[in-house]
Amino acid sequence: MKYGTDYAEIILPVIGNETLKAIVARYDAQELITRKEQFTSDIQQALSQRAADFDILVHDVAVTHLEFSEEFVKAMEQQYQHE
């Protein structure tokens, strides 16, 4: 299948989203914070493997923004206040 010269811009968003969803499902919200390094490493490894199917080389993955529901944030704040 031919994607043209901008194949990376077509392929990466699709495989990025599917990879991210699959890896996020393995962690609970608190682990996404406390195990961010492992979480990011898992994304890097899975995305690199998936991108290789399309002859795309992934050099680096950075998780720069995690957003949680307001309820989760309040619950975490209350938990830390009680500790």
C-alpha atoms as a PDB file:
ATOM      1  CA  MET A   1       0.000   0.000   0.000  1.00  0.00           C
ATOM      2  CA  LYS A   2       1.400   3.431  -0.938  1.00  0.00           C
ATOM      3  CA  TYR A   3       1.000   6.394   1.388  1.00  0.00           C
ATOM      4  CA  GLY A   4       2.982   9.028  -0.507  1.00  0.00           C
ATOM      5  CA  THR A   5       5.834  11.167   0.740  1.00  0.00           C
ATOM      6  CA  ASP A   6       3.994  12.260   3.883  1.00  0.00           C
ATOM      7  CA  TYR A   7       3.376   8.698   5.038  1.00  0.00           C
ATOM      8  CA  ALA A   8       4.795   9.367   8.523  1.00  0.00           C
ATOM      9  CA  GLU A   9       2.229  12.143   9.069  1.00  0.00           C
ATOM     10  CA  ILE A  10      -0.523   9.738   8.006  1.00  0.00           C
ATOM     11  CA  ILE A  11       0.667   6.614   9.838  1.00  0.00           C
ATOM     12  CA  LEU A  12       2.102   7.960  13.105  1.00  0.00           C
ATOM     13  CA  PRO A  13      -1.069   9.581  14.472  1.00  0.00           C
ATOM     14  CA  VAL A  14      -3.012   6.359  13.904  1.00  0.00           C
ATOM     15  CA  ILE A  15      -0.477   3.951  15.364  1.00  0.00           C
ATOM     16  CA  GLY A  16       0.385   6.459  18.084  1.00  0.00           C
ATOM     17  CA  ASN A  17      -3.206   6.602  19.297  1.00  0.00           C
ATOM     18  CA  GLU A  18      -3.713   2.839  19.186  1.00  0.00           C
ATOM     19  CA  THR A  19      -0.424   2.230  21.001  1.00  0.00           C
ATOM     20  CA  LEU A  20      -1.113   4.858  23.639  1.00  0.00           C
ATOM     21  CA  LYS A  21      -4.585   3.450  24.365  1.00  0.00           C
ATOM     22  CA  ALA A  22      -3.217  -0.087  24.684  1.00  0.00           C
ATOM     23  CA  ILE A  23      -0.448   0.937  27.090  1.00  0.00           C
ATOM     24  CA  VAL A  24      -2.608   3.298  29.191  1.00  0.00           C
ATOM     25  CA  ALA A  25      -5.073   0.437  29.742  1.00  0.00           C
ATOM     26  CA  ARG A  26      -2.348  -1.483  31.615  1.00  0.00           C
ATOM     27  CA  TYR A  27      -2.006   1.200  34.313  1.00  0.00           C
ATOM     28  CA  ASP A  28      -4.357   2.787  36.798  1.00  0.00           C
ATOM     29  CA  ALA A  29      -4.369   6.580  37.067  1.00  0.00           C
ATOM     30  CA  GLN A  30      -2.086   6.708  40.084  1.00  0.00           C
ATOM     31  CA  GLU A  31       0.485   4.472  38.375  1.00  0.00           C
ATOM     32  CA  LEU A  32       0.537   6.812  35.390  1.00  0.00           C
ATOM     33  CA  ILE A  33       1.978   9.382  37.793  1.00  0.00           C
ATOM     34  CA  THR A  34       4.145   7.237  40.043  1.00  0.00           C
ATOM     35  CA  ARG A  35       5.513   4.984  37.284  1.00  0.00           C
ATOM     36  CA  LYS A  36       5.788   7.592  34.523  1.00  0.00           C
ATOM     37  CA  GLU A  37       9.271   6.451  33.492  1.00  0.00           C
ATOM     38  CA  GLN A  38       8.124   2.837  33.038  1.00  0.00           C
ATOM     39  CA  PHE A  39       4.921   3.980  31.325  1.00  0.00           C
ATOM     40  CA  THR A  40       6.918   6.086  28.868  1.00  0.00           C
ATOM     41  CA  SER A  41       9.353   3.229  28.234  1.00  0.00           C
ATOM     42  CA  ASP A  42       6.458   0.864  27.495  1.00  0.00           C
ATOM     43  CA  ILE A  43       5.037   3.361  25.000  1.00  0.00           C
ATOM     44  CA  GLN A  44       8.452   3.788  23.335  1.00  0.00           C
ATOM     45  CA  GLN A  45       8.929   0.046  22.961  1.00  0.00           C
ATOM     46  CA  ALA A  46       5.424  -0.684  21.659  1.00  0.00           C
ATOM     47  CA  LEU A  47       5.368   2.299  19.304  1.00  0.00           C
ATOM     48  CA  SER A  48       8.809   1.440  17.928  1.00  0.00           C
ATOM     49  CA  GLN A  49       7.699  -2.114  17.204  1.00  0.00           C
ATOM     50  CA  ARG A  50       4.474  -0.991  15.543  1.00  0.00           C
ATOM     51  CA  ALA A  51       6.179   1.754  13.511  1.00  0.00           C
ATOM     52  CA  ALA A  52       8.766  -0.730  12.249  1.00  0.00           C
ATOM     53  CA  ASP A  53       5.925  -2.469  10.367  1.00  0.00           C
ATOM     54  CA  PHE A  54       5.819   0.679   8.207  1.00  0.00           C
ATOM     55  CA  ASP A  55       9.605   1.159   8.033  1.00  0.00           C
ATOM     56  CA  ILE A  56       9.397   4.123  10.418  1.00  0.00           C
ATOM     57  CA  LEU A  57      12.101   4.488  13.045  1.00  0.00           C
ATOM     58  CA  VAL A  58      11.037   6.036  16.362  1.00  0.00           C
ATOM     59  CA  HIS A  59      13.961   7.686  18.156  1.00  0.00           C
ATOM     60  CA  ASP A  60      12.277   9.032  21.259  1.00  0.00           C
ATOM     61  CA  VAL A  61       8.943   9.275  23.049  1.00  0.00           C
ATOM     62  CA  ALA A  62       8.159  11.911  25.654  1.00  0.00           C
ATOM     63  CA  VAL A  63       5.042  12.030  27.802  1.00  0.00           C
ATOM     64  CA  THR A  64       4.659  15.739  28.441  1.00  0.00           C
ATOM     65  CA  HIS A  65       1.076  16.138  29.572  1.00  0.00           C
ATOM     66  CA  LEU A  66      -1.244  13.899  31.573  1.00  0.00           C
ATOM     67  CA  GLU A  67      -4.728  15.151  32.339  1.00  0.00           C
ATOM     68  CA  PHE A  68      -7.058  13.618  34.912  1.00  0.00           C
ATOM     69  CA  SER A  69     -10.648  14.220  35.844  1.00  0.00           C
ATOM     70  CA  GLU A  70     -11.395  16.820  38.496  1.00  0.00           C
ATOM     71  CA  GLU A  71     -12.777  14.085  40.768  1.00  0.00           C
ATOM     72  CA  PHE A  72      -9.538  12.102  40.569  1.00  0.00           C
ATOM     73  CA  VAL A  73      -7.422  15.165  41.352  1.00  0.00           C
ATOM     74  CA  LYS A  74      -9.574  15.983  44.403  1.00  0.00           C
ATOM     75  CA  ALA A  75      -9.372  12.389  45.635  1.00  0.00           C
ATOM     76  CA  MET A  76      -5.574  12.409  45.287  1.00  0.00           C
ATOM     77  CA  GLU A  77      -5.315  15.714  47.146  1.00  0.00           C
ATOM     78  CA  GLN A  78      -7.446  14.358  49.991  1.00  0.00           C
ATOM     79  CA  GLN A  79      -5.351  11.197  50.171  1.00  0.00           C
ATOM     80  CA  TYR A  80      -2.106  13.179  50.435  1.00  0.00           C
ATOM     81  CA  GLN A  81      -3.574  15.473  53.106  1.00  0.00           C
ATOM     82  CA  HIS A  82      -4.407  12.462  55.281  1.00  0.00           C
ATOM     83  CA  GLU A  83      -0.909  10.996  55.020  1.00  0.00           C
END
